C-alpha atoms as a PDB file:
ATOM      1  CA  MET A   1      25.182  12.108  26.923  1.00  0.00           C
ATOM      2  CA  ALA A   2      27.943  14.712  26.657  1.00  0.00           C
ATOM      3  CA  GLU A   3      27.251  17.951  24.836  1.00  0.00           C
ATOM      4  CA  GLY A   4      27.981  17.572  21.143  1.00  0.00           C
ATOM      5  CA  ALA A   5      27.991  13.768  21.369  1.00  0.00           C
ATOM      6  CA  VAL A   6      26.180  11.906  18.651  1.00  0.00           C
ATOM      7  CA  GLY A   7      23.554   9.414  19.727  1.00  0.00           C
ATOM      8  CA  PRO A   8      23.228   5.915  18.357  1.00  0.00           C
ATOM      9  CA  ARG A   9      23.076   5.596  14.579  1.00  0.00           C
ATOM     10  CA  LEU A  10      19.800   3.976  13.670  1.00  0.00           C
ATOM     11  CA  TYR A  11      18.272   2.770  10.419  1.00  0.00           C
ATOM     12  CA  CYS A  12      14.644   3.512   9.634  1.00  0.00           C
ATOM     13  CA  CYS A  13      12.138   2.734   6.900  1.00  0.00           C
ATOM     14  CA  PHE A  14      12.534   5.422   4.224  1.00  0.00           C
ATOM     15  CA  LYS A  15       8.762   5.749   3.856  1.00  0.00           C
ATOM     16  CA  CYS A  16       7.461   6.085   7.446  1.00  0.00           C
ATOM     17  CA  ARG A  17      10.678   6.430   9.537  1.00  0.00           C
ATOM     18  CA  ASN A  18       9.872   3.321  11.616  1.00  0.00           C
ATOM     19  CA  LEU A  19      13.050   2.124  13.388  1.00  0.00           C
ATOM     20  CA  VAL A  20      14.224  -1.160  11.811  1.00  0.00           C
ATOM     21  CA  SER A  21      17.871  -1.662  12.845  1.00  0.00           C
ATOM     22  CA  CYS A  22      20.949  -0.232  14.580  1.00  0.00           C
ATOM     23  CA  HIS A  23      24.418   0.513  13.270  1.00  0.00           C
ATOM     24  CA  ASP A  24      25.898  -1.895  15.833  1.00  0.00           C
ATOM     25  CA  ASP A  25      24.028  -4.771  14.145  1.00  0.00           C
ATOM     26  CA  ILE A  26      25.759  -4.306  10.758  1.00  0.00           C
ATOM     27  CA  VAL A  27      27.611  -7.416   9.601  1.00  0.00           C
ATOM     28  CA  SER A  28      28.542  -6.187   6.100  1.00  0.00           C
ATOM     29  CA  LYS A  29      27.963  -3.117   3.932  1.00  0.00           C
ATOM     30  CA  THR A  30      29.231  -4.798   0.759  1.00  0.00           C
ATOM     31  CA  PHE A  31      26.028  -6.584  -0.249  1.00  0.00           C
ATOM     32  CA  ARG A  32      24.433  -6.243  -3.676  1.00  0.00           C
ATOM     33  CA  ALA A  33      20.712  -6.605  -4.297  1.00  0.00           C
ATOM     34  CA  ASN A  34      18.779  -6.498  -7.558  1.00  0.00           C
ATOM     35  CA  ASN A  35      18.225  -2.775  -7.077  1.00  0.00           C
ATOM     36  CA  GLY A  36      21.718  -1.819  -5.926  1.00  0.00           C
ATOM     37  CA  ARG A  37      23.627  -1.820  -2.669  1.00  0.00           C
ATOM     38  CA  ALA A  38      22.349  -3.367   0.544  1.00  0.00           C
ATOM     39  CA  ILE A  39      23.455  -3.934   4.148  1.00  0.00           C
ATOM     40  CA  LEU A  40      23.588  -7.265   5.979  1.00  0.00           C
ATOM     41  CA  PHE A  41      22.382  -6.988   9.582  1.00  0.00           C
ATOM     42  CA  SER A  42      22.553  -9.534  12.399  1.00  0.00           C
ATOM     43  CA  HIS A  43      19.253  -8.264  13.810  1.00  0.00           C
ATOM     44  CA  ALA A  44      16.282  -6.125  12.792  1.00  0.00           C
ATOM     45  CA  MET A  45      13.194  -4.901  14.627  1.00  0.00           C
ATOM     46  CA  ASN A  46       9.717  -3.659  13.811  1.00  0.00           C
ATOM     47  CA  ILE A  47       9.526  -5.896  10.763  1.00  0.00           C
ATOM     48  CA  ILE A  48       7.130  -8.497   9.417  1.00  0.00           C
ATOM     49  CA  LEU A  49       8.429 -11.590   7.644  1.00  0.00           C
ATOM     50  CA  GLY A  50       6.750 -12.947   4.548  1.00  0.00           C
ATOM     51  CA  PRO A  51       6.496 -16.686   3.811  1.00  0.00           C
ATOM     52  CA  LYS A  52       9.684 -18.709   3.413  1.00  0.00           C
ATOM     53  CA  GLU A  53      10.579 -19.545  -0.172  1.00  0.00           C
ATOM     54  CA  ASP A  54      13.535 -20.884  -2.096  1.00  0.00           C
ATOM     55  CA  ARG A  55      15.042 -18.170  -4.271  1.00  0.00           C
ATOM     56  CA  ARG A  56      18.106 -18.190  -6.497  1.00  0.00           C
ATOM     57  CA  LEU A  57      20.178 -15.141  -5.597  1.00  0.00           C
ATOM     58  CA  ILE A  58      23.532 -13.915  -6.903  1.00  0.00           C
ATOM     59  CA  THR A  59      25.353 -16.268  -4.496  1.00  0.00           C
ATOM     60  CA  GLY A  60      23.213 -19.345  -5.161  1.00  0.00           C
ATOM     61  CA  LEU A  61      20.052 -20.984  -3.856  1.00  0.00           C
ATOM     62  CA  HIS A  62      18.751 -19.837  -0.473  1.00  0.00           C
ATOM     63  CA  THR A  63      15.573 -20.181   1.569  1.00  0.00           C
ATOM     64  CA  ILE A  64      14.552 -16.613   2.367  1.00  0.00           C
ATOM     65  CA  ALA A  65      11.593 -14.577   3.560  1.00  0.00           C
ATOM     66  CA  ASP A  66      10.865 -11.046   2.419  1.00  0.00           C
ATOM     67  CA  VAL A  67      11.113  -8.390   5.157  1.00  0.00           C
ATOM     68  CA  TYR A  68       8.459  -5.674   5.430  1.00  0.00           C
ATOM     69  CA  CYS A  69       8.162  -2.591   7.637  1.00  0.00           C
ATOM     70  CA  SER A  70       5.697  -3.367  10.448  1.00  0.00           C
ATOM     71  CA  ASP A  71       4.169   0.142  10.266  1.00  0.00           C
ATOM     72  CA  CYS A  72       3.669   0.865   6.555  1.00  0.00           C
ATOM     73  CA  GLY A  73       4.202  -2.560   4.942  1.00  0.00           C
ATOM     74  CA  GLU A  74       6.992  -1.421   2.613  1.00  0.00           C
ATOM     75  CA  LEU A  75       9.229  -4.218   1.305  1.00  0.00           C
ATOM     76  CA  LEU A  76      12.699  -3.492   2.750  1.00  0.00           C
ATOM     77  CA  GLY A  77      14.745  -6.613   1.969  1.00  0.00           C
ATOM     78  CA  TRP A  78      14.863 -10.260   3.042  1.00  0.00           C
ATOM     79  CA  LYS A  79      15.942 -12.649   5.779  1.00  0.00           C
ATOM     80  CA  TYR A  80      18.160 -15.660   5.070  1.00  0.00           C
ATOM     81  CA  TRP A  81      16.733 -18.830   6.615  1.00  0.00           C
ATOM     82  CA  LYS A  82      18.905 -21.393   4.860  1.00  0.00           C
ATOM     83  CA  ALA A  83      21.894 -21.379   2.535  1.00  0.00           C
ATOM     84  CA  TYR A  84      22.355 -24.496   0.433  1.00  0.00           C
ATOM     85  CA  GLU A  85      26.032 -23.857  -0.302  1.00  0.00           C
ATOM     86  CA  GLU A  86      28.523 -24.346   2.539  1.00  0.00           C
ATOM     87  CA  SER A  87      30.333 -21.098   1.682  1.00  0.00           C
ATOM     88  CA  GLN A  88      27.119 -19.129   2.295  1.00  0.00           C
ATOM     89  CA  LYS A  89      26.103 -20.618   5.670  1.00  0.00           C
ATOM     90  CA  HIS A  90      27.332 -17.505   7.531  1.00  0.00           C
ATOM     91  CA  LYS A  91      24.283 -15.623   6.167  1.00  0.00           C
ATOM     92  CA  GLU A  92      21.716 -17.870   7.851  1.00  0.00           C
ATOM     93  CA  GLY A  93      19.484 -15.965  10.265  1.00  0.00           C
ATOM     94  CA  LYS A  94      20.694 -12.574   9.036  1.00  0.00           C
ATOM     95  CA  ILE A  95      18.721  -9.810   7.367  1.00  0.00           C
ATOM     96  CA  VAL A  96      19.480  -7.797   4.236  1.00  0.00           C
ATOM     97  CA  LEU A  97      18.001  -4.298   3.966  1.00  0.00           C
ATOM     98  CA  GLU A  98      18.348  -2.468   0.659  1.00  0.00           C
ATOM     99  CA  ASN A  99      20.069   0.928   0.917  1.00  0.00           C
ATOM    100  CA  PHE A 100      17.401   2.808  -0.998  1.00  0.00           C
ATOM    101  CA  LYS A 101      14.681   1.478   1.351  1.00  0.00           C
ATOM    102  CA  ILE A 102      16.259   2.683   4.614  1.00  0.00           C
ATOM    103  CA  VAL A 103      17.552   5.977   5.986  1.00  0.00           C
ATOM    104  CA  LYS A 104      20.215   6.503   8.630  1.00  0.00           C
ATOM    105  CA  GLU A 105      19.324   8.752  11.528  1.00  0.00           C
ATOM    106  CA  ASN A 106      21.232   9.849  14.636  1.00  0.00           C
ATOM    107  CA  TRP A 107      19.164   9.867  17.810  1.00  0.00           C
END
């Protein structure tokens, strides 16, 4: 890497700094969660998924699973398994991480 170059921008659990996603996996930064802003990612790592459940969110009924940090167990967001409304199908398989639960780091 060239001198002064910034490494990849990574997102980590705010509590234990476990790596959970990369900037390149961001699909949208305009998401809203119950506790404020959130980011939609195409992929996440070092996470544990909770059981699937139907939950009514701002955009309608979805089958989701809560997403937890694999190191400390902190709840970070959720994964969309199924969207019942056609206009929301693009979210299926993607992961939402709440802004206040993750920190951005340059490596």
